Amino acid sequence: MGKTLKRKNLKNRQRAIAKKDAIKRLIFVPEIKSVDVEAIKKEFEAKK
């Protein structure tokens, strides 16, 4: 058995974490809230 390559091991671990985070970012879908367009239009009319 040879020595453990600590730097390579750390680099591989960091790469795996970065890949996992990238996948999480890509599949993340923000919560869609229902928007009442008519209410917003009335609000703008009231401000004028």
PDB file of N, CA and C in Angstrom:
ATOM      1  N   MET A   1       0.839  -1.194   0.000  1.00  0.00           N
ATOM      2  CA  MET A   1       0.000   0.000   0.000  1.00  0.00           C
ATOM      3  C   MET A   1       0.881   1.254   0.000  1.00  0.00           C
ATOM      4  N   GLY A   2       0.514   2.205  -0.864  1.00  0.00           N
ATOM      5  CA  GLY A   2       1.257   3.454  -0.925  1.00  0.00           C
ATOM      6  C   GLY A   2       0.674   4.475   0.031  1.00  0.00           C
ATOM      7  N   LYS A   3       1.284   5.637   0.011  1.00  0.00           N
ATOM      8  CA  LYS A   3       0.784   6.727   0.852  1.00  0.00           C
ATOM      9  C   LYS A   3      -0.555   7.214   0.324  1.00  0.00           C
ATOM     10  N   THR A   4      -1.360   7.775   1.207  1.00  0.00           N
ATOM     11  CA  THR A   4      -2.607   8.369   0.741  1.00  0.00           C
ATOM     12  C   THR A   4      -2.281   9.741   0.167  1.00  0.00           C
ATOM     13  N   LEU A   5      -2.858  10.019  -0.971  1.00  0.00           N
ATOM     14  CA  LEU A   5      -2.622  11.313  -1.610  1.00  0.00           C
ATOM     15  C   LEU A   5      -3.649  12.294  -1.062  1.00  0.00           C
ATOM     16  N   LYS A   6      -3.265  12.995  -0.016  1.00  0.00           N
ATOM     17  CA  LYS A   6      -4.215  13.849   0.707  1.00  0.00           C
ATOM     18  C   LYS A   6      -4.744  15.003  -0.128  1.00  0.00           C
ATOM     19  N   ARG A   7      -3.828  15.653  -0.878  1.00  0.00           N
ATOM     20  CA  ARG A   7      -4.285  16.796  -1.679  1.00  0.00           C
ATOM     21  C   ARG A   7      -5.241  16.348  -2.780  1.00  0.00           C
ATOM     22  N   LYS A   8      -4.880  15.207  -3.433  1.00  0.00           N
ATOM     23  CA  LYS A   8      -5.744  14.711  -4.503  1.00  0.00           C
ATOM     24  C   LYS A   8      -7.104  14.295  -3.937  1.00  0.00           C
ATOM     25  N   ASN A   9      -7.070  13.661  -2.768  1.00  0.00           N
ATOM     26  CA  ASN A   9      -8.298  13.238  -2.115  1.00  0.00           C
ATOM     27  C   ASN A   9      -9.183  14.450  -1.818  1.00  0.00           C
ATOM     28  N   LEU A  10      -8.591  15.515  -1.305  1.00  0.00           N
ATOM     29  CA  LEU A  10      -9.328  16.741  -0.976  1.00  0.00           C
ATOM     30  C   LEU A  10      -9.904  17.366  -2.252  1.00  0.00           C
ATOM     31  N   LYS A  11      -9.076  17.392  -3.310  1.00  0.00           N
ATOM     32  CA  LYS A  11      -9.508  17.982  -4.572  1.00  0.00           C
ATOM     33  C   LYS A  11     -10.689  17.201  -5.159  1.00  0.00           C
ATOM     34  N   ASN A  12     -10.603  15.871  -5.088  1.00  0.00           N
ATOM     35  CA  ASN A  12     -11.699  15.042  -5.601  1.00  0.00           C
ATOM     36  C   ASN A  12     -12.979  15.268  -4.812  1.00  0.00           C
ATOM     37  N   ARG A  13     -12.838  15.385  -3.495  1.00  0.00           N
ATOM     38  CA  ARG A  13     -14.001  15.608  -2.648  1.00  0.00           C
ATOM     39  C   ARG A  13     -14.640  16.955  -2.973  1.00  0.00           C
ATOM     40  N   GLN A  14     -13.796  17.988  -3.129  1.00  0.00           N
ATOM     41  CA  GLN A  14     -14.307  19.330  -3.451  1.00  0.00           C
ATOM     42  C   GLN A  14     -15.012  19.326  -4.808  1.00  0.00           C
ATOM     43  N   ARG A  15     -14.442  18.584  -5.769  1.00  0.00           N
ATOM     44  CA  ARG A  15     -15.032  18.513  -7.100  1.00  0.00           C
ATOM     45  C   ARG A  15     -16.406  17.854  -7.028  1.00  0.00           C
ATOM     46  N   ALA A  16     -16.525  16.793  -6.231  1.00  0.00           N
ATOM     47  CA  ALA A  16     -17.799  16.088  -6.084  1.00  0.00           C
ATOM     48  C   ALA A  16     -18.847  17.005  -5.445  1.00  0.00           C
ATOM     49  N   ILE A  17     -18.429  17.758  -4.431  1.00  0.00           N
ATOM     50  CA  ILE A  17     -19.341  18.690  -3.760  1.00  0.00           C
ATOM     51  C   ILE A  17     -19.797  19.777  -4.735  1.00  0.00           C
ATOM     52  N   ALA A  18     -18.867  20.302  -5.535  1.00  0.00           N
ATOM     53  CA  ALA A  18     -19.195  21.353  -6.502  1.00  0.00           C
ATOM     54  C   ALA A  18     -20.184  20.824  -7.540  1.00  0.00           C
ATOM     55  N   LYS A  19     -19.971  19.578  -7.989  1.00  0.00           N
ATOM     56  CA  LYS A  19     -20.859  18.985  -8.985  1.00  0.00           C
ATOM     57  C   LYS A  19     -22.268  18.810  -8.416  1.00  0.00           C
ATOM     58  N   LYS A  20     -22.331  18.346  -7.154  1.00  0.00           N
ATOM     59  CA  LYS A  20     -23.621  18.137  -6.491  1.00  0.00           C
ATOM     60  C   LYS A  20     -24.351  19.470  -6.338  1.00  0.00           C
ATOM     61  N   ASP A  21     -23.608  20.527  -5.957  1.00  0.00           N
ATOM     62  CA  ASP A  21     -24.207  21.853  -5.796  1.00  0.00           C
ATOM     63  C   ASP A  21     -24.712  22.398  -7.133  1.00  0.00           C
ATOM     64  N   ALA A  22     -23.945  22.157  -8.216  1.00  0.00           N
ATOM     65  CA  ALA A  22     -24.346  22.626  -9.541  1.00  0.00           C
ATOM     66  C   ALA A  22     -25.642  21.953  -9.962  1.00  0.00           C
ATOM     67  N   ILE A  23     -25.757  20.654  -9.695  1.00  0.00           N
ATOM     68  CA  ILE A  23     -26.976  19.922 -10.042  1.00  0.00           C
ATOM     69  C   ILE A  23     -28.149  20.462  -9.235  1.00  0.00           C
ATOM     70  N   LYS A  24     -27.924  20.719  -7.931  1.00  0.00           N
ATOM     71  CA  LYS A  24     -28.988  21.271  -7.084  1.00  0.00           C
ATOM     72  C   LYS A  24     -29.458  22.618  -7.620  1.00  0.00           C
ATOM     73  N   ARG A  25     -28.501  23.464  -8.063  1.00  0.00           N
ATOM     74  CA  ARG A  25     -28.853  24.780  -8.606  1.00  0.00           C
ATOM     75  C   ARG A  25     -29.679  24.635  -9.881  1.00  0.00           C
ATOM     76  N   LEU A  26     -29.318  23.651 -10.740  1.00  0.00           N
ATOM     77  CA  LEU A  26     -30.016  23.485 -12.007  1.00  0.00           C
ATOM     78  C   LEU A  26     -31.440  22.975 -11.821  1.00  0.00           C
ATOM     79  N   ILE A  27     -31.652  22.093 -10.849  1.00  0.00           N
ATOM     80  CA  ILE A  27     -32.990  21.521 -10.683  1.00  0.00           C
ATOM     81  C   ILE A  27     -33.867  22.331  -9.740  1.00  0.00           C
ATOM     82  N   PHE A  28     -33.289  23.347  -9.111  1.00  0.00           N
ATOM     83  CA  PHE A  28     -34.063  24.171  -8.187  1.00  0.00           C
ATOM     84  C   PHE A  28     -35.116  24.956  -8.952  1.00  0.00           C
ATOM     85  N   VAL A  29     -36.370  24.838  -8.528  1.00  0.00           N
ATOM     86  CA  VAL A  29     -37.462  25.588  -9.150  1.00  0.00           C
ATOM     87  C   VAL A  29     -38.069  26.467  -8.063  1.00  0.00           C
ATOM     88  N   PRO A  30     -38.056  27.779  -8.256  1.00  0.00           N
ATOM     89  CA  PRO A  30     -38.635  28.641  -7.238  1.00  0.00           C
ATOM     90  C   PRO A  30     -40.132  28.410  -7.096  1.00  0.00           C
ATOM     91  N   GLU A  31     -40.619  28.669  -5.917  1.00  0.00           N
ATOM     92  CA  GLU A  31     -42.035  28.488  -5.600  1.00  0.00           C
ATOM     93  C   GLU A  31     -42.853  29.505  -6.389  1.00  0.00           C
ATOM     94  N   ILE A  32     -43.836  29.013  -7.118  1.00  0.00           N
ATOM     95  CA  ILE A  32     -44.674  29.907  -7.924  1.00  0.00           C
ATOM     96  C   ILE A  32     -45.870  30.333  -7.083  1.00  0.00           C
ATOM     97  N   LYS A  33     -45.969  31.633  -6.860  1.00  0.00           N
ATOM     98  CA  LYS A  33     -47.067  32.165  -6.071  1.00  0.00           C
ATOM     99  C   LYS A  33     -48.139  32.663  -7.023  1.00  0.00           C
ATOM    100  N   SER A  34     -49.381  32.458  -6.670  1.00  0.00           N
ATOM    101  CA  SER A  34     -50.469  32.915  -7.537  1.00  0.00           C
ATOM    102  C   SER A  34     -50.552  34.436  -7.459  1.00  0.00           C
ATOM    103  N   VAL A  35     -50.605  35.057  -8.617  1.00  0.00           N
ATOM    104  CA  VAL A  35     -50.642  36.513  -8.692  1.00  0.00           C
ATOM    105  C   VAL A  35     -51.998  36.938  -9.242  1.00  0.00           C
ATOM    106  N   ASP A  36     -52.666  37.809  -8.505  1.00  0.00           N
ATOM    107  CA  ASP A  36     -53.958  38.318  -8.945  1.00  0.00           C
ATOM    108  C   ASP A  36     -53.718  39.603  -9.740  1.00  0.00           C
ATOM    109  N   VAL A  37     -53.725  39.455 -11.064  1.00  0.00           N
ATOM    110  CA  VAL A  37     -53.415  40.574 -11.950  1.00  0.00           C
ATOM    111  C   VAL A  37     -54.459  41.685 -11.828  1.00  0.00           C
ATOM    112  N   GLU A  38     -55.710  41.290 -11.733  1.00  0.00           N
ATOM    113  CA  GLU A  38     -56.787  42.284 -11.651  1.00  0.00           C
ATOM    114  C   GLU A  38     -56.641  43.154 -10.396  1.00  0.00           C
ATOM    115  N   ALA A  39     -56.291  42.541  -9.278  1.00  0.00           N
ATOM    116  CA  ALA A  39     -56.122  43.288  -8.032  1.00  0.00           C
ATOM    117  C   ALA A  39     -54.978  44.294  -8.165  1.00  0.00           C
ATOM    118  N   ILE A  40     -53.903  43.883  -8.850  1.00  0.00           N
ATOM    119  CA  ILE A  40     -52.757  44.786  -9.044  1.00  0.00           C
ATOM    120  C   ILE A  40     -53.177  45.966  -9.920  1.00  0.00           C
ATOM    121  N   LYS A  41     -53.943  45.691 -10.971  1.00  0.00           N
ATOM    122  CA  LYS A  41     -54.412  46.765 -11.859  1.00  0.00           C
ATOM    123  C   LYS A  41     -55.275  47.759 -11.092  1.00  0.00           C
ATOM    124  N   LYS A  42     -56.168  47.249 -10.242  1.00  0.00           N
ATOM    125  CA  LYS A  42     -57.029  48.118  -9.431  1.00  0.00           C
ATOM    126  C   LYS A  42     -56.189  48.963  -8.479  1.00  0.00           C
ATOM    127  N   GLU A  43     -55.142  48.346  -7.935  1.00  0.00           N
ATOM    128  CA  GLU A  43     -54.261  49.062  -7.002  1.00  0.00           C
ATOM    129  C   GLU A  43     -53.587  50.244  -7.715  1.00  0.00           C
ATOM    130  N   PHE A  44     -53.137  50.034  -8.965  1.00  0.00           N
ATOM    131  CA  PHE A  44     -52.492  51.096  -9.740  1.00  0.00           C
ATOM    132  C   PHE A  44     -53.488  52.196 -10.048  1.00  0.00           C
ATOM    133  N   GLU A  45     -54.713  51.819 -10.394  1.00  0.00           N
ATOM    134  CA  GLU A  45     -55.746  52.804 -10.699  1.00  0.00           C
ATOM    135  C   GLU A  45     -56.055  53.646  -9.451  1.00  0.00           C
ATOM    136  N   ALA A  46     -56.053  53.024  -8.296  1.00  0.00           N
ATOM    137  CA  ALA A  46     -56.346  53.722  -7.045  1.00  0.00           C
ATOM    138  C   ALA A  46     -55.232  54.742  -6.727  1.00  0.00           C
ATOM    139  N   LYS A  47     -53.997  54.405  -7.068  1.00  0.00           N
ATOM    140  CA  LYS A  47     -52.875  55.309  -6.796  1.00  0.00           C
ATOM    141  C   LYS A  47     -52.927  56.550  -7.684  1.00  0.00           C
ATOM    142  N   LYS A  48     -53.455  56.391  -8.906  1.00  0.00           N
ATOM    143  CA  LYS A  48     -53.555  57.536  -9.832  1.00  0.00           C
ATOM    144  C   LYS A  48     -54.639  58.453  -9.332  1.00  0.00           C
TER     145      LYS A  48
END
